C-alpha atoms as a PDB file:
ATOM      1  CA  MET A   1     -11.241  36.783   0.355  1.00  0.00           C
ATOM      2  CA  LEU A   2      -7.491  36.231  -1.018  1.00  0.00           C
ATOM      3  CA  GLU A   3      -6.674  35.302   2.544  1.00  0.00           C
ATOM      4  CA  GLN A   4      -9.043  32.686   2.279  1.00  0.00           C
ATOM      5  CA  LEU A   5      -8.219  31.664  -1.274  1.00  0.00           C
ATOM      6  CA  THR A   6      -3.733  31.909  -0.449  1.00  0.00           C
ATOM      7  CA  SER A   7      -4.582  29.200   2.860  1.00  0.00           C
ATOM      8  CA  ILE A   8      -6.569  26.726   0.658  1.00  0.00           C
ATOM      9  CA  PHE A   9      -4.149  26.851  -1.892  1.00  0.00           C
ATOM     10  CA  SER A  10      -0.923  27.348   0.097  1.00  0.00           C
ATOM     11  CA  GLY A  11       0.926  23.888   1.134  1.00  0.00           C
ATOM     12  CA  PHE A  12       2.871  23.538  -1.893  1.00  0.00           C
ATOM     13  CA  ASP A  13       5.130  20.753  -0.652  1.00  0.00           C
ATOM     14  CA  ALA A  14       2.436  18.722   0.788  1.00  0.00           C
ATOM     15  CA  ALA A  15       0.856  19.416  -2.749  1.00  0.00           C
ATOM     16  CA  ILE A  16       4.158  18.060  -4.562  1.00  0.00           C
ATOM     17  CA  LEU A  17       4.112  14.905  -2.458  1.00  0.00           C
ATOM     18  CA  ASP A  18       0.314  14.430  -2.981  1.00  0.00           C
ATOM     19  CA  VAL A  19       1.140  14.575  -7.014  1.00  0.00           C
ATOM     20  CA  LEU A  20       3.612  12.268  -6.483  1.00  0.00           C
ATOM     21  CA  TRP A  21       1.769   9.333  -4.532  1.00  0.00           C
ATOM     22  CA  THR A  22      -1.180  10.218  -7.049  1.00  0.00           C
ATOM     23  CA  ALA A  23       0.965   9.354 -10.179  1.00  0.00           C
ATOM     24  CA  LEU A  24       2.589   6.079  -8.459  1.00  0.00           C
ATOM     25  CA  LEU A  25      -1.105   5.221  -7.822  1.00  0.00           C
ATOM     26  CA  LEU A  26      -2.431   5.914 -11.164  1.00  0.00           C
ATOM     27  CA  GLY A  27       0.914   4.467 -12.497  1.00  0.00           C
ATOM     28  CA  ILE A  28       0.333   1.215 -10.749  1.00  0.00           C
ATOM     29  CA  VAL A  29      -3.473   0.962 -11.487  1.00  0.00           C
ATOM     30  CA  PHE A  30      -3.328   1.649 -14.847  1.00  0.00           C
ATOM     31  CA  THR A  31      -0.493  -0.698 -15.863  1.00  0.00           C
ATOM     32  CA  LEU A  32      -3.187  -3.395 -14.082  1.00  0.00           C
ATOM     33  CA  LEU A  33      -5.800  -2.298 -16.313  1.00  0.00           C
ATOM     34  CA  SER A  34      -3.931  -2.435 -19.684  1.00  0.00           C
ATOM     35  CA  ALA A  35      -3.010  -5.834 -18.491  1.00  0.00           C
ATOM     36  CA  LEU A  36      -6.066  -7.444 -17.985  1.00  0.00           C
ATOM     37  CA  PHE A  37      -8.703  -5.807 -20.552  1.00  0.00           C
ATOM     38  CA  THR A  38      -8.421  -5.296 -23.966  1.00  0.00           C
ATOM     39  CA  PRO A  39      -6.960  -1.799 -25.034  1.00  0.00           C
ATOM     40  CA  CYS A  40      -8.699   0.542 -27.230  1.00  0.00           C
ATOM     41  CA  ASN A  41      -5.624   0.715 -29.909  1.00  0.00           C
ATOM     42  CA  PRO A  42      -2.380  -1.791 -29.794  1.00  0.00           C
ATOM     43  CA  GLY A  43       0.133   0.104 -29.573  1.00  0.00           C
ATOM     44  CA  VAL A  44       3.572   1.421 -26.998  1.00  0.00           C
ATOM     45  CA  SER A  45       2.673   0.941 -23.253  1.00  0.00           C
ATOM     46  CA  TRP A  46       2.577   4.264 -21.463  1.00  0.00           C
ATOM     47  CA  TRP A  47       5.836   4.117 -19.582  1.00  0.00           C
ATOM     48  CA  ARG A  48       7.536   3.234 -22.995  1.00  0.00           C
ATOM     49  CA  LYS A  49       6.005   6.026 -24.884  1.00  0.00           C
ATOM     50  CA  PRO A  50       8.487   8.486 -26.857  1.00  0.00           C
ATOM     51  CA  ASP A  51       6.696  11.700 -25.117  1.00  0.00           C
ATOM     52  CA  LEU A  52       7.202  10.053 -21.372  1.00  0.00           C
ATOM     53  CA  VAL A  53       8.738  12.630 -19.923  1.00  0.00           C
ATOM     54  CA  THR A  54       7.127  15.603 -21.268  1.00  0.00           C
ATOM     55  CA  ASP A  55       3.597  14.203 -20.079  1.00  0.00           C
ATOM     56  CA  LEU A  56       5.398  13.494 -16.467  1.00  0.00           C
ATOM     57  CA  LEU A  57       6.455  17.584 -16.342  1.00  0.00           C
ATOM     58  CA  TYR A  58       2.827  18.341 -17.192  1.00  0.00           C
ATOM     59  CA  PHE A  59       1.679  15.664 -14.604  1.00  0.00           C
ATOM     60  CA  PHE A  60       3.379  17.740 -11.632  1.00  0.00           C
ATOM     61  CA  ILE A  61       3.624  20.857 -13.079  1.00  0.00           C
ATOM     62  CA  ILE A  62       0.262  21.698 -14.070  1.00  0.00           C
ATOM     63  CA  PRO A  63      -1.543  20.886 -11.111  1.00  0.00           C
ATOM     64  CA  LEU A  64       0.321  23.707  -8.855  1.00  0.00           C
ATOM     65  CA  PHE A  65      -0.296  26.188 -11.532  1.00  0.00           C
ATOM     66  CA  GLY A  66      -3.826  25.484 -11.256  1.00  0.00           C
ATOM     67  CA  ARG A  67      -3.480  27.162  -7.358  1.00  0.00           C
ATOM     68  CA  PHE A  68      -1.780  29.983  -8.573  1.00  0.00           C
ATOM     69  CA  ALA A  69      -4.546  30.834 -11.081  1.00  0.00           C
ATOM     70  CA  ILE A  70      -7.211  30.937  -9.159  1.00  0.00           C
ATOM     71  CA  ILE A  71      -5.512  33.222  -6.540  1.00  0.00           C
ATOM     72  CA  PHE A  72      -4.666  35.447  -9.582  1.00  0.00           C
ATOM     73  CA  PHE A  73      -8.091  35.620 -10.728  1.00  0.00           C
ATOM     74  CA  ALA A  74      -9.481  36.429  -7.235  1.00  0.00           C
ATOM     75  CA  LEU A  75      -6.989  39.445  -7.498  1.00  0.00           C
ATOM     76  CA  VAL A  76      -8.362  40.431 -10.944  1.00  0.00           C
ATOM     77  CA  ALA A  77     -11.511  40.150  -9.449  1.00  0.00           C
ATOM     78  CA  MET A  78     -11.173  42.520  -6.254  1.00  0.00           C
ATOM     79  CA  GLY A  79      -9.393  44.959  -8.925  1.00  0.00           C
ATOM     80  CA  LEU A  80     -12.598  45.220 -10.910  1.00  0.00           C
ATOM     81  CA  LEU A  81     -14.752  45.436  -8.320  1.00  0.00           C
ATOM     82  CA  SER A  82     -12.834  48.320  -6.237  1.00  0.00           C
ATOM     83  CA  GLY A  83     -12.311  50.240  -9.606  1.00  0.00           C
ATOM     84  CA  LEU A  84     -16.210  50.080  -9.994  1.00  0.00           C
ATOM     85  CA  GLY A  85     -16.109  51.588  -6.459  1.00  0.00           C
ATOM     86  CA  VAL A  86     -17.396  48.839  -4.679  1.00  0.00           C
ATOM     87  CA  ALA A  87     -15.441  49.512  -1.021  1.00  0.00           C
ATOM     88  CA  LYS A  88     -15.737  45.884   0.225  1.00  0.00           C
ATOM     89  CA  PRO A  89     -15.153  43.688  -2.631  1.00  0.00           C
ATOM     90  CA  GLU A  90     -15.546  40.473   0.076  1.00  0.00           C
ATOM     91  CA  ASP A  91     -18.761  41.337   0.742  1.00  0.00           C
ATOM     92  CA  ILE A  92     -20.555  40.494  -2.908  1.00  0.00           C
ATOM     93  CA  ILE A  93     -18.230  37.695  -3.770  1.00  0.00           C
ATOM     94  CA  GLY A  94     -16.069  35.487  -2.072  1.00  0.00           C
ATOM     95  CA  VAL A  95     -15.447  31.870   0.133  1.00  0.00           C
ATOM     96  CA  ASN A  96     -18.676  31.195   1.638  1.00  0.00           C
ATOM     97  CA  ARG A  97     -20.274  34.300   0.517  1.00  0.00           C
ATOM     98  CA  GLY A  98     -22.132  33.685  -2.184  1.00  0.00           C
ATOM     99  CA  PRO A  99     -25.609  32.935  -3.066  1.00  0.00           C
ATOM    100  CA  LEU A 100     -24.990  29.500  -2.825  1.00  0.00           C
ATOM    101  CA  ALA A 101     -22.845  29.324   0.619  1.00  0.00           C
ATOM    102  CA  ALA A 102     -26.788  29.166   2.102  1.00  0.00           C
ATOM    103  CA  LEU A 103     -27.223  26.083   0.455  1.00  0.00           C
ATOM    104  CA  PRO A 104     -26.899  22.246   1.759  1.00  0.00           C
ATOM    105  CA  PHE A 105     -23.386  20.315   1.270  1.00  0.00           C
ATOM    106  CA  TRP A 106     -24.864  17.564  -0.279  1.00  0.00           C
ATOM    107  CA  GLN A 107     -26.706  20.321  -2.871  1.00  0.00           C
ATOM    108  CA  GLN A 108     -23.538  22.561  -3.320  1.00  0.00           C
ATOM    109  CA  ILE A 109     -21.657  18.851  -4.705  1.00  0.00           C
ATOM    110  CA  VAL A 110     -24.497  18.319  -7.153  1.00  0.00           C
ATOM    111  CA  LEU A 111     -24.252  22.341  -8.285  1.00  0.00           C
ATOM    112  CA  TYR A 112     -20.563  22.047  -8.771  1.00  0.00           C
ATOM    113  CA  LEU A 113     -20.712  19.109 -10.813  1.00  0.00           C
ATOM    114  CA  ILE A 114     -23.331  20.320 -13.622  1.00  0.00           C
ATOM    115  CA  LEU A 115     -22.179  24.213 -13.440  1.00  0.00           C
ATOM    116  CA  SER A 116     -18.704  23.520 -13.703  1.00  0.00           C
ATOM    117  CA  ASP A 117     -19.408  20.489 -16.458  1.00  0.00           C
ATOM    118  CA  LEU A 118     -21.491  23.476 -18.302  1.00  0.00           C
ATOM    119  CA  MET A 119     -18.956  25.834 -18.003  1.00  0.00           C
ATOM    120  CA  MET A 120     -15.935  23.634 -19.145  1.00  0.00           C
ATOM    121  CA  TYR A 121     -18.349  22.416 -22.307  1.00  0.00           C
ATOM    122  CA  TRP A 122     -18.307  26.029 -23.600  1.00  0.00           C
ATOM    123  CA  SER A 123     -14.876  26.809 -23.005  1.00  0.00           C
ATOM    124  CA  HIS A 124     -14.149  23.562 -24.404  1.00  0.00           C
ATOM    125  CA  ARG A 125     -15.787  24.519 -27.627  1.00  0.00           C
ATOM    126  CA  ALA A 126     -14.311  27.877 -27.365  1.00  0.00           C
ATOM    127  CA  PHE A 127     -10.567  26.339 -27.501  1.00  0.00           C
ATOM    128  CA  HIS A 128     -11.602  24.613 -30.587  1.00  0.00           C
ATOM    129  CA  THR A 129     -12.022  28.046 -32.553  1.00  0.00           C
ATOM    130  CA  ALA A 130      -9.114  29.392 -34.205  1.00  0.00           C
ATOM    131  CA  ARG A 131      -7.998  32.355 -32.262  1.00  0.00           C
ATOM    132  CA  LEU A 132      -7.856  29.962 -29.199  1.00  0.00           C
ATOM    133  CA  TRP A 133      -6.949  26.369 -30.541  1.00  0.00           C
ATOM    134  CA  ARG A 134      -3.143  27.183 -30.636  1.00  0.00           C
ATOM    135  CA  TYR A 135      -3.334  26.769 -27.258  1.00  0.00           C
ATOM    136  CA  HIS A 136      -5.700  23.713 -26.875  1.00  0.00           C
ATOM    137  CA  ALA A 137      -3.536  21.800 -29.751  1.00  0.00           C
ATOM    138  CA  VAL A 138      -0.652  20.892 -27.069  1.00  0.00           C
ATOM    139  CA  HIS A 139      -3.904  18.699 -25.671  1.00  0.00           C
ATOM    140  CA  HIS A 140      -4.674  17.208 -28.621  1.00  0.00           C
ATOM    141  CA  SER A 141      -0.711  16.844 -29.660  1.00  0.00           C
ATOM    142  CA  PRO A 142      -0.448  13.491 -28.142  1.00  0.00           C
ATOM    143  CA  GLU A 143      -0.106  10.446 -31.252  1.00  0.00           C
ATOM    144  CA  HIS A 144       0.101   7.773 -28.363  1.00  0.00           C
ATOM    145  CA  LEU A 145      -3.238   8.412 -26.049  1.00  0.00           C
ATOM    146  CA  ASP A 146      -3.154   7.211 -22.052  1.00  0.00           C
ATOM    147  CA  TRP A 147      -3.856   8.366 -18.944  1.00  0.00           C
ATOM    148  CA  LEU A 148      -0.988  10.672 -18.459  1.00  0.00           C
ATOM    149  CA  SER A 149      -2.753  12.417 -21.288  1.00  0.00           C
ATOM    150  CA  GLY A 150      -4.717  13.806 -19.329  1.00  0.00           C
ATOM    151  CA  ARG A 151      -2.310  16.756 -17.785  1.00  0.00           C
ATOM    152  CA  ARG A 152      -1.502  17.635 -20.641  1.00  0.00           C
ATOM    153  CA  PHE A 153      -2.573  21.399 -20.618  1.00  0.00           C
ATOM    154  CA  HIS A 154      -1.102  24.698 -21.836  1.00  0.00           C
ATOM    155  CA  PRO A 155      -1.337  26.626 -18.646  1.00  0.00           C
ATOM    156  CA  ILE A 156      -3.543  29.512 -20.438  1.00  0.00           C
ATOM    157  CA  ASP A 157      -5.404  26.640 -21.888  1.00  0.00           C
ATOM    158  CA  PHE A 158      -5.709  25.258 -17.949  1.00  0.00           C
ATOM    159  CA  ALA A 159      -6.585  27.973 -16.345  1.00  0.00           C
ATOM    160  CA  LEU A 160      -9.241  29.404 -18.244  1.00  0.00           C
ATOM    161  CA  HIS A 161     -10.957  25.759 -18.974  1.00  0.00           C
ATOM    162  CA  ALA A 162     -10.538  24.482 -15.339  1.00  0.00           C
ATOM    163  CA  ALA A 163      -9.131  26.514 -12.831  1.00  0.00           C
ATOM    164  CA  PHE A 164     -11.521  29.848 -13.980  1.00  0.00           C
ATOM    165  CA  PRO A 165     -15.107  27.340 -13.259  1.00  0.00           C
ATOM    166  CA  ASP A 166     -13.472  26.322  -9.926  1.00  0.00           C
ATOM    167  CA  PHE A 167     -13.243  29.909  -9.061  1.00  0.00           C
ATOM    168  CA  VAL A 168     -16.297  31.338 -10.529  1.00  0.00           C
ATOM    169  CA  LEU A 169     -18.083  28.714  -8.523  1.00  0.00           C
ATOM    170  CA  LEU A 170     -16.010  29.403  -5.624  1.00  0.00           C
ATOM    171  CA  MET A 171     -16.908  33.168  -5.701  1.00  0.00           C
ATOM    172  CA  LEU A 172     -20.839  31.954  -6.232  1.00  0.00           C
ATOM    173  CA  GLY A 173     -20.211  30.410  -2.448  1.00  0.00           C
ATOM    174  CA  VAL A 174     -19.721  26.915  -3.094  1.00  0.00           C
ATOM    175  CA  SER A 175     -17.947  25.793  -0.065  1.00  0.00           C
ATOM    176  CA  PRO A 176     -13.681  24.941  -0.954  1.00  0.00           C
ATOM    177  CA  GLU A 177     -14.320  21.767   0.855  1.00  0.00           C
ATOM    178  CA  VAL A 178     -16.537  20.675  -1.936  1.00  0.00           C
ATOM    179  CA  LEU A 179     -13.509  21.163  -4.577  1.00  0.00           C
ATOM    180  CA  LEU A 180     -11.428  19.261  -1.789  1.00  0.00           C
ATOM    181  CA  LEU A 181     -14.119  16.194  -1.770  1.00  0.00           C
ATOM    182  CA  LEU A 182     -14.391  16.319  -5.172  1.00  0.00           C
ATOM    183  CA  ALA A 183     -11.101  16.672  -6.538  1.00  0.00           C
ATOM    184  CA  PRO A 184      -9.688  12.364  -6.374  1.00  0.00           C
ATOM    185  CA  PHE A 185     -12.446  12.110  -8.611  1.00  0.00           C
ATOM    186  CA  THR A 186     -11.656  14.759 -11.434  1.00  0.00           C
ATOM    187  CA  VAL A 187      -7.949  13.514 -11.056  1.00  0.00           C
ATOM    188  CA  TRP A 188      -9.093   9.752 -11.339  1.00  0.00           C
ATOM    189  CA  HIS A 189     -11.535  10.273 -14.276  1.00  0.00           C
ATOM    190  CA  SER A 190      -9.676  12.347 -16.498  1.00  0.00           C
ATOM    191  CA  ALA A 191      -7.136   9.933 -16.298  1.00  0.00           C
ATOM    192  CA  LEU A 192      -9.496   7.305 -16.861  1.00  0.00           C
ATOM    193  CA  VAL A 193     -10.874   8.590 -20.093  1.00  0.00           C
ATOM    194  CA  HIS A 194      -7.655   9.065 -21.636  1.00  0.00           C
ATOM    195  CA  ALA A 195      -6.730   5.747 -20.892  1.00  0.00           C
ATOM    196  CA  ASN A 196      -6.266   2.838 -23.600  1.00  0.00           C
ATOM    197  CA  LEU A 197      -8.807   0.713 -22.661  1.00  0.00           C
ATOM    198  CA  ASN A 198     -12.302  -0.089 -24.952  1.00  0.00           C
ATOM    199  CA  TRP A 199     -14.780   0.853 -22.633  1.00  0.00           C
ATOM    200  CA  THR A 200     -17.897   2.489 -23.218  1.00  0.00           C
ATOM    201  CA  PHE A 201     -19.989   2.222 -20.175  1.00  0.00           C
ATOM    202  CA  GLY A 202     -22.716   0.914 -21.988  1.00  0.00           C
ATOM    203  CA  PRO A 203     -26.123   1.655 -20.478  1.00  0.00           C
ATOM    204  CA  LEU A 204     -24.445   4.220 -18.515  1.00  0.00           C
ATOM    205  CA  ARG A 205     -22.816   5.803 -21.464  1.00  0.00           C
ATOM    206  CA  TYR A 206     -24.617   9.125 -21.601  1.00  0.00           C
ATOM    207  CA  LEU A 207     -24.592   9.672 -17.390  1.00  0.00           C
ATOM    208  CA  ILE A 208     -20.610   9.271 -17.479  1.00  0.00           C
ATOM    209  CA  ALA A 209     -17.745  10.025 -19.895  1.00  0.00           C
ATOM    210  CA  SER A 210     -15.856   6.318 -20.914  1.00  0.00           C
ATOM    211  CA  PRO A 211     -12.288   6.028 -22.049  1.00  0.00           C
ATOM    212  CA  VAL A 212     -14.094   5.505 -26.084  1.00  0.00           C
ATOM    213  CA  PHE A 213     -16.156   8.657 -25.694  1.00  0.00           C
ATOM    214  CA  HIS A 214     -13.389  10.816 -24.829  1.00  0.00           C
ATOM    215  CA  ARG A 215     -11.095   9.218 -27.142  1.00  0.00           C
ATOM    216  CA  TRP A 216     -12.878  10.206 -30.069  1.00  0.00           C
ATOM    217  CA  HIS A 217     -12.972  13.385 -29.262  1.00  0.00           C
ATOM    218  CA  HIS A 218      -8.848  13.210 -29.622  1.00  0.00           C
ATOM    219  CA  THR A 219      -9.261  12.235 -33.375  1.00  0.00           C
ATOM    220  CA  SER A 220      -8.965  14.697 -36.426  1.00  0.00           C
ATOM    221  CA  MET A 221     -11.564  17.249 -36.566  1.00  0.00           C
ATOM    222  CA  GLN A 222     -13.013  15.381 -39.758  1.00  0.00           C
ATOM    223  CA  ARG A 223     -13.868  12.498 -37.495  1.00  0.00           C
ATOM    224  CA  GLY A 224     -15.052  13.006 -33.562  1.00  0.00           C
ATOM    225  CA  GLY A 225     -12.888  15.772 -32.620  1.00  0.00           C
ATOM    226  CA  MET A 226     -15.148  18.224 -33.125  1.00  0.00           C
ATOM    227  CA  LYS A 227     -17.585  16.497 -30.831  1.00  0.00           C
ATOM    228  CA  ASN A 228     -17.224  14.634 -27.416  1.00  0.00           C
ATOM    229  CA  PHE A 229     -16.536  18.302 -25.516  1.00  0.00           C
ATOM    230  CA  THR A 230     -17.856  17.688 -22.195  1.00  0.00           C
ATOM    231  CA  ALA A 231     -15.629  16.556 -19.398  1.00  0.00           C
ATOM    232  CA  THR A 232     -18.146  14.566 -17.531  1.00  0.00           C
ATOM    233  CA  PHE A 233     -21.744  13.873 -18.252  1.00  0.00           C
ATOM    234  CA  PRO A 234     -21.914  13.198 -22.060  1.00  0.00           C
ATOM    235  CA  VAL A 235     -25.668  14.177 -21.671  1.00  0.00           C
ATOM    236  CA  ILE A 236     -24.655  18.149 -22.086  1.00  0.00           C
ATOM    237  CA  ASP A 237     -23.087  16.969 -25.815  1.00  0.00           C
ATOM    238  CA  LEU A 238     -26.293  14.891 -26.723  1.00  0.00           C
ATOM    239  CA  ILE A 239     -28.449  18.329 -25.404  1.00  0.00           C
ATOM    240  CA  PHE A 240     -26.421  20.787 -27.637  1.00  0.00           C
ATOM    241  CA  GLY A 241     -25.653  18.228 -30.743  1.00  0.00           C
ATOM    242  CA  THR A 242     -21.936  17.403 -29.884  1.00  0.00           C
ATOM    243  CA  TYR A 243     -22.878  13.624 -28.943  1.00  0.00           C
ATOM    244  CA  TYR A 244     -20.468  10.892 -31.316  1.00  0.00           C
ATOM    245  CA  LEU A 245     -20.274   7.505 -30.345  1.00  0.00           C
ATOM    246  CA  PRO A 246     -20.519   5.316 -33.306  1.00  0.00           C
ATOM    247  CA  LYS A 247     -21.492   1.473 -32.941  1.00  0.00           C
ATOM    248  CA  GLY A 248     -19.107  -1.205 -33.904  1.00  0.00           C
ATOM    249  CA  ALA A 249     -16.324   0.951 -34.538  1.00  0.00           C
ATOM    250  CA  LEU A 250     -13.293   2.268 -32.140  1.00  0.00           C
ATOM    251  CA  PRO A 251     -11.236   5.747 -31.839  1.00  0.00           C
ATOM    252  CA  ASP A 252      -7.662   5.630 -33.546  1.00  0.00           C
ATOM    253  CA  ALA A 253      -4.745   8.292 -34.839  1.00  0.00           C
ATOM    254  CA  TYR A 254      -4.033  10.648 -32.578  1.00  0.00           C
ATOM    255  CA  GLY A 255      -2.459  13.847 -32.682  1.00  0.00           C
ATOM    256  CA  ILE A 256      -3.071  17.564 -34.488  1.00  0.00           C
ATOM    257  CA  GLY A 257      -1.208  16.057 -37.886  1.00  0.00           C
ATOM    258  CA  GLU A 258       1.491  18.575 -37.376  1.00  0.00           C
ATOM    259  CA  PRO A 259       4.977  16.820 -38.178  1.00  0.00           C
ATOM    260  CA  GLU A 260       6.354  19.409 -36.485  1.00  0.00           C
ATOM    261  CA  PHE A 261       4.778  19.898 -33.387  1.00  0.00           C
ATOM    262  CA  PRO A 262       7.392  20.329 -30.598  1.00  0.00           C
ATOM    263  CA  ARG A 263       7.599  17.632 -28.286  1.00  0.00           C
ATOM    264  CA  SER A 264       9.491  18.995 -25.064  1.00  0.00           C
ATOM    265  CA  PHE A 265       7.802  20.232 -22.485  1.00  0.00           C
ATOM    266  CA  GLY A 266       9.288  23.902 -22.581  1.00  0.00           C
ATOM    267  CA  ARG A 267       8.614  24.181 -26.771  1.00  0.00           C
ATOM    268  CA  GLN A 268       4.997  23.516 -26.204  1.00  0.00           C
ATOM    269  CA  LEU A 269       4.769  26.660 -23.345  1.00  0.00           C
ATOM    270  CA  LEU A 270       6.207  28.911 -26.226  1.00  0.00           C
ATOM    271  CA  TYR A 271       4.365  26.883 -29.423  1.00  0.00           C
ATOM    272  CA  PRO A 272       0.753  29.205 -29.061  1.00  0.00           C
ATOM    273  CA  PHE A 273       3.092  32.104 -29.498  1.00  0.00           C
ATOM    274  CA  VAL A 274       5.086  30.969 -32.313  1.00  0.00           C
ATOM    275  CA  THR A 275       4.681  31.558 -36.126  1.00  0.00           C
ATOM    276  CA  PRO A 276       4.651  28.073 -37.725  1.00  0.00           C
ATOM    277  CA  LYS A 277       7.464  27.577 -40.215  1.00  0.00           C
ATOM    278  CA  SER A 278       4.226  27.169 -42.914  1.00  0.00           C
ATOM    279  CA  VAL A 279       2.925  30.426 -41.896  1.00  0.00           C
ATOM    280  CA  ALA A 280       6.056  31.922 -42.112  1.00  0.00           C
ATOM    281  CA  ALA A 281       6.345  30.563 -45.505  1.00  0.00           C
ATOM    282  CA  VAL A 282       3.453  32.302 -47.074  1.00  0.00           C
ATOM    283  CA  GLU A 283       4.121  35.348 -45.387  1.00  0.00           C
ATOM    284  CA  ASN A 284       7.287  35.600 -47.054  1.00  0.00           C
ATOM    285  CA  ASP A 285       6.209  34.729 -50.545  1.00  0.00           C
ATOM    286  CA  GLY A 286       3.339  37.104 -50.577  1.00  0.00           C
ATOM    287  CA  GLY A 287       0.713  34.992 -49.343  1.00  0.00           C
ATOM    288  CA  ALA A 288       1.177  32.783 -52.716  1.00  0.00           C
ATOM    289  CA  GLY A 289      -0.853  29.389 -52.223  1.00  0.00           C
ATOM    290  CA  VAL A 290      -2.265  30.209 -48.960  1.00  0.00           C
ATOM    291  CA  PRO A 291      -3.213  26.890 -47.019  1.00  0.00           C
ATOM    292  CA  GLU A 292      -6.437  26.424 -45.949  1.00  0.00           C
ATOM    293  CA  MET A 293      -7.424  26.372 -42.272  1.00  0.00           C
ATOM    294  CA  PRO A 294      -7.972  23.035 -40.995  1.00  0.00           C
ATOM    295  CA  PRO A 295     -12.095  22.843 -39.902  1.00  0.00           C
ATOM    296  CA  ILE A 296     -11.406  23.435 -36.616  1.00  0.00           C
ATOM    297  CA  VAL A 297     -14.002  26.586 -36.401  1.00  0.00           C
ATOM    298  CA  GLY A 298     -17.608  25.373 -36.412  1.00  0.00           C
ATOM    299  CA  SER A 299     -20.471  24.883 -34.125  1.00  0.00           C
ATOM    300  CA  GLY A 300     -19.879  21.070 -33.423  1.00  0.00           C
ATOM    301  CA  GLY A 301     -23.216  20.139 -34.217  1.00  0.00           C
ATOM    302  CA  ARG A 302     -24.540  17.002 -35.799  1.00  0.00           C
END
């Protein structure tokens, strides 16, 4: 199993070249779209925003990290099964060995789209709880939201939110070719929903996530920040009571409202592990005047 995963997710030279071409194409396409269509919010063009270098680093590094994360999860799974006395873990789980492996290819595609979105929906909600929020705050930190923001994830957030569902479905038998086939859709759709466009997709708004739908999720917690958790299918939010797309209104005012939030790539990686100055000050004065926790904990229901 590990050999198969390594062969699938190796070839980092080709991967870097692929990311380079993807970034170039996305940049051209969304520059043209911003010129041809009305933006959701007026403001700085994506290539002139202050956090451009940080977002570019995320864009190139995070996809490569995801490959290591899947292999890491495989090592952990094999170790756990071996510890339970399973002589050959690959006979239970593994690439092209799980219960879904016997399904026709098109059925695997459908199941991958639905099951991965369900897993990502619930992991996304988990990252909006107090325990995990500081990892996910990195993704919500851009005040100038655009297509590049779709890759701004802390590595731990990305590993548990994006790479882990892929690992689970691979171990259940979904063919790696399914992931490879859908990878361009995932990349382009993620860029689209973060793009500065005022598209709602009209009658298709429940079928597939639109820029306006997801940009509401990047507003404050009192507005749409505890809504619209799904990555692809808004009907999942509709089912679980977290759908939010008000008529006649557009999202604005993004970011997490923390003036001291670091802007550099390296400092953002350390952010979840560093005690905020506001908390340190409270601890130093014995806890007097403890600030209230922002309302990031909750069911997210209507």
